Amino acid sequence: MEKINKIWWVYVIKCEDETLYTGITTNLERRIFEHNESKKGAKYTRNKRPVNLEYSEIHPDRSTASKREYCIKKLSRLEKLKLIG
């Protein structure tokens, strides 16, 4: 049986209070919906709605996506804003 590889997204959203949140997911559209509408959204973003997707990139597996998420989270706000462009 062939293993089906999911693609992973690393994303940055901007919250209503102008803060930035970085995360990973296999379904970007669903995850943004959850951040805006659902209790499944991150605790951090629940009181900062609405959120807008500002940046995303695709990775071939969870490990790569997690490493990139960690790198982005270490960036300063200014560096993240430059990444978003």
N, C-alpha and C. Protein backbone atom coordinates (compact mmCIF):
# COMPACT_ATOMS: atom_id res chain seq x y z
N MET A 1 0.85 -1.18 0.00
CA MET A 1 0.00 0.00 0.00
C MET A 1 0.89 1.24 0.00
N GLU A 2 0.58 2.16 -0.87
CA GLU A 2 1.37 3.38 -1.01
C GLU A 2 0.98 4.40 0.05
N LYS A 3 1.97 4.99 0.67
CA LYS A 3 1.71 6.02 1.67
C LYS A 3 1.41 7.35 0.96
N ILE A 4 0.30 7.97 1.32
CA ILE A 4 -0.08 9.25 0.73
C ILE A 4 0.52 10.37 1.57
N ASN A 5 1.36 11.17 0.96
CA ASN A 5 1.99 12.27 1.67
C ASN A 5 1.09 13.50 1.65
N LYS A 6 0.84 14.04 2.81
CA LYS A 6 0.09 15.29 2.90
C LYS A 6 1.08 16.43 2.77
N ILE A 7 0.61 17.51 2.20
CA ILE A 7 1.45 18.71 2.24
C ILE A 7 1.13 19.46 3.52
N TRP A 8 2.11 20.15 4.01
CA TRP A 8 1.97 20.93 5.23
C TRP A 8 2.18 22.40 4.90
N TRP A 9 1.40 23.23 5.51
CA TRP A 9 1.49 24.68 5.35
C TRP A 9 2.06 25.30 6.62
N VAL A 10 2.95 26.25 6.45
CA VAL A 10 3.36 27.14 7.53
C VAL A 10 2.70 28.46 7.19
N TYR A 11 2.06 29.08 8.17
CA TYR A 11 1.32 30.30 7.87
C TYR A 11 1.52 31.35 8.96
N VAL A 12 1.32 32.59 8.56
CA VAL A 12 1.35 33.72 9.50
C VAL A 12 0.04 34.47 9.31
N ILE A 13 -0.67 34.69 10.42
CA ILE A 13 -1.89 35.48 10.37
C ILE A 13 -1.70 36.74 11.19
N LYS A 14 -2.43 37.76 10.80
CA LYS A 14 -2.44 39.01 11.56
C LYS A 14 -3.78 39.10 12.27
N CYS A 15 -3.73 39.30 13.56
CA CYS A 15 -4.94 39.39 14.38
C CYS A 15 -5.49 40.81 14.35
N GLU A 16 -6.70 40.96 14.83
CA GLU A 16 -7.36 42.27 14.85
C GLU A 16 -6.52 43.31 15.59
N ASP A 17 -5.80 42.89 16.62
CA ASP A 17 -4.97 43.83 17.39
C ASP A 17 -3.59 44.04 16.78
N GLU A 18 -3.42 43.59 15.53
CA GLU A 18 -2.18 43.76 14.76
C GLU A 18 -1.05 42.82 15.19
N THR A 19 -1.29 41.91 16.13
CA THR A 19 -0.26 40.94 16.49
C THR A 19 -0.20 39.85 15.41
N LEU A 20 0.92 39.15 15.37
CA LEU A 20 1.13 38.10 14.38
C LEU A 20 1.17 36.74 15.06
N TYR A 21 0.59 35.75 14.40
CA TYR A 21 0.56 34.39 14.92
C TYR A 21 1.06 33.46 13.82
N THR A 22 1.94 32.54 14.17
CA THR A 22 2.50 31.59 13.21
C THR A 22 2.07 30.18 13.60
N GLY A 23 1.68 29.38 12.60
CA GLY A 23 1.26 28.02 12.88
C GLY A 23 1.51 27.12 11.68
N ILE A 24 1.15 25.83 11.85
CA ILE A 24 1.24 24.86 10.75
C ILE A 24 -0.08 24.10 10.66
N THR A 25 -0.36 23.59 9.46
CA THR A 25 -1.58 22.83 9.23
C THR A 25 -1.47 22.03 7.94
N THR A 26 -2.35 21.05 7.77
CA THR A 26 -2.44 20.35 6.49
C THR A 26 -3.59 20.89 5.65
N ASN A 27 -4.43 21.73 6.23
CA ASN A 27 -5.56 22.31 5.51
C ASN A 27 -5.67 23.79 5.87
N LEU A 28 -5.07 24.62 5.06
CA LEU A 28 -4.97 26.05 5.37
C LEU A 28 -6.33 26.73 5.44
N GLU A 29 -7.20 26.44 4.50
CA GLU A 29 -8.52 27.08 4.48
C GLU A 29 -9.31 26.74 5.75
N ARG A 30 -9.31 25.47 6.13
CA ARG A 30 -10.01 25.04 7.34
C ARG A 30 -9.42 25.71 8.58
N ARG A 31 -8.08 25.78 8.62
CA ARG A 31 -7.42 26.33 9.81
C ARG A 31 -7.72 27.82 10.00
N ILE A 32 -7.73 28.57 8.91
CA ILE A 32 -8.06 30.00 9.02
C ILE A 32 -9.51 30.15 9.49
N PHE A 33 -10.41 29.31 8.95
CA PHE A 33 -11.80 29.31 9.40
C PHE A 33 -11.87 29.03 10.90
N GLU A 34 -11.12 28.03 11.37
CA GLU A 34 -11.11 27.71 12.79
C GLU A 34 -10.61 28.88 13.63
N HIS A 35 -9.58 29.55 13.17
CA HIS A 35 -9.08 30.71 13.92
C HIS A 35 -10.16 31.79 14.04
N ASN A 36 -10.98 31.93 13.01
CA ASN A 36 -11.99 32.99 12.99
C ASN A 36 -13.33 32.61 13.59
N GLU A 37 -13.72 31.34 13.47
CA GLU A 37 -15.10 30.97 13.79
C GLU A 37 -15.28 29.90 14.85
N SER A 38 -14.24 29.15 15.15
CA SER A 38 -14.41 27.93 15.92
C SER A 38 -13.67 27.97 17.25
N LYS A 39 -14.10 27.11 18.15
CA LYS A 39 -13.37 26.93 19.41
C LYS A 39 -12.07 26.18 19.18
N LYS A 40 -11.91 25.61 17.98
CA LYS A 40 -10.69 24.89 17.65
C LYS A 40 -9.55 25.83 17.28
N GLY A 41 -9.84 27.10 17.11
CA GLY A 41 -8.78 28.08 16.84
C GLY A 41 -7.84 28.15 18.03
N ALA A 42 -6.65 28.61 17.79
CA ALA A 42 -5.66 28.71 18.87
C ALA A 42 -6.19 29.61 19.99
N LYS A 43 -5.88 29.25 21.20
CA LYS A 43 -6.30 30.04 22.36
C LYS A 43 -5.85 31.50 22.20
N TYR A 44 -4.64 31.68 21.66
CA TYR A 44 -4.09 33.02 21.48
C TYR A 44 -4.97 33.89 20.59
N THR A 45 -5.54 33.30 19.54
CA THR A 45 -6.29 34.10 18.56
C THR A 45 -7.77 34.27 18.90
N ARG A 46 -8.29 33.53 19.85
CA ARG A 46 -9.73 33.55 20.12
C ARG A 46 -10.28 34.92 20.48
N ASN A 47 -9.53 35.71 21.21
CA ASN A 47 -10.00 37.04 21.59
C ASN A 47 -9.42 38.14 20.70
N LYS A 48 -8.84 37.75 19.58
CA LYS A 48 -8.19 38.71 18.68
C LYS A 48 -8.76 38.59 17.27
N ARG A 49 -10.00 38.19 17.16
CA ARG A 49 -10.65 38.00 15.87
C ARG A 49 -11.19 39.31 15.34
N PRO A 50 -11.30 39.44 14.03
CA PRO A 50 -10.95 38.46 13.01
C PRO A 50 -9.45 38.42 12.75
N VAL A 51 -9.02 37.32 12.17
CA VAL A 51 -7.62 37.18 11.75
C VAL A 51 -7.59 37.13 10.23
N ASN A 52 -6.48 37.58 9.66
CA ASN A 52 -6.30 37.54 8.21
C ASN A 52 -5.01 36.82 7.88
N LEU A 53 -5.08 35.95 6.88
CA LEU A 53 -3.88 35.26 6.42
C LEU A 53 -2.97 36.27 5.73
N GLU A 54 -1.73 36.34 6.19
CA GLU A 54 -0.77 37.28 5.63
C GLU A 54 0.33 36.59 4.83
N TYR A 55 0.62 35.33 5.16
CA TYR A 55 1.74 34.65 4.53
C TYR A 55 1.56 33.14 4.69
N SER A 56 1.97 32.38 3.67
CA SER A 56 1.96 30.93 3.78
C SER A 56 3.01 30.34 2.86
N GLU A 57 3.48 29.15 3.22
CA GLU A 57 4.41 28.42 2.39
C GLU A 57 4.16 26.93 2.58
N ILE A 58 4.45 26.16 1.54
CA ILE A 58 4.20 24.71 1.53
C ILE A 58 5.47 23.96 1.90
N HIS A 59 5.27 22.87 2.67
CA HIS A 59 6.37 21.98 3.03
C HIS A 59 5.93 20.54 2.81
N PRO A 60 6.88 19.64 2.51
CA PRO A 60 6.53 18.28 2.14
C PRO A 60 6.14 17.37 3.31
N ASP A 61 6.47 17.77 4.54
CA ASP A 61 6.16 16.91 5.69
C ASP A 61 6.09 17.74 6.96
N ARG A 62 5.57 17.13 8.00
CA ARG A 62 5.38 17.83 9.27
C ARG A 62 6.70 18.29 9.88
N SER A 63 7.72 17.47 9.78
CA SER A 63 9.01 17.80 10.37
C SER A 63 9.58 19.08 9.77
N THR A 64 9.57 19.17 8.46
CA THR A 64 10.09 20.36 7.78
C THR A 64 9.26 21.58 8.15
N ALA A 65 7.94 21.41 8.15
CA ALA A 65 7.05 22.53 8.48
C ALA A 65 7.28 23.00 9.92
N SER A 66 7.43 22.06 10.83
CA SER A 66 7.65 22.42 12.25
C SER A 66 8.96 23.17 12.44
N LYS A 67 9.99 22.74 11.73
CA LYS A 67 11.29 23.43 11.83
C LYS A 67 11.18 24.85 11.29
N ARG A 68 10.48 25.01 10.18
CA ARG A 68 10.31 26.35 9.61
C ARG A 68 9.45 27.22 10.51
N GLU A 69 8.39 26.65 11.09
CA GLU A 69 7.54 27.38 12.03
C GLU A 69 8.39 27.91 13.19
N TYR A 70 9.26 27.06 13.72
CA TYR A 70 10.13 27.44 14.83
C TYR A 70 11.03 28.61 14.43
N CYS A 71 11.59 28.54 13.22
CA CYS A 71 12.46 29.62 12.73
C CYS A 71 11.70 30.93 12.63
N ILE A 72 10.48 30.86 12.10
CA ILE A 72 9.68 32.09 11.95
C ILE A 72 9.30 32.64 13.31
N LYS A 73 8.95 31.77 14.24
CA LYS A 73 8.56 32.24 15.57
C LYS A 73 9.72 32.93 16.29
N LYS A 74 10.94 32.58 15.95
CA LYS A 74 12.11 33.22 16.57
C LYS A 74 12.39 34.61 16.00
N LEU A 75 11.82 34.92 14.84
CA LEU A 75 12.07 36.22 14.22
C LEU A 75 11.45 37.34 15.04
N SER A 76 12.03 38.52 14.94
CA SER A 76 11.44 39.70 15.57
C SER A 76 10.19 40.09 14.78
N ARG A 77 9.38 40.94 15.33
CA ARG A 77 8.18 41.42 14.62
C ARG A 77 8.59 42.09 13.29
N LEU A 78 9.62 42.91 13.33
CA LEU A 78 10.07 43.58 12.12
C LEU A 78 10.50 42.57 11.05
N GLU A 79 11.22 41.55 11.46
CA GLU A 79 11.66 40.52 10.51
C GLU A 79 10.46 39.76 9.94
N LYS A 80 9.46 39.50 10.78
CA LYS A 80 8.25 38.84 10.29
C LYS A 80 7.51 39.72 9.28
N LEU A 81 7.45 41.00 9.56
CA LEU A 81 6.79 41.92 8.62
C LEU A 81 7.52 41.98 7.29
N LYS A 82 8.85 41.89 7.34
CA LYS A 82 9.63 41.84 6.09
C LYS A 82 9.35 40.55 5.33
N LEU A 83 9.23 39.44 6.04
CA LEU A 83 8.92 38.16 5.42
C LEU A 83 7.55 38.23 4.73
N ILE A 84 6.59 38.80 5.41
CA ILE A 84 5.24 38.94 4.86
C ILE A 84 5.26 39.81 3.61
N GLY A 85 6.11 40.83 3.66
CA GLY A 85 6.29 41.72 2.51
C GLY A 85 5.14 42.64 2.34
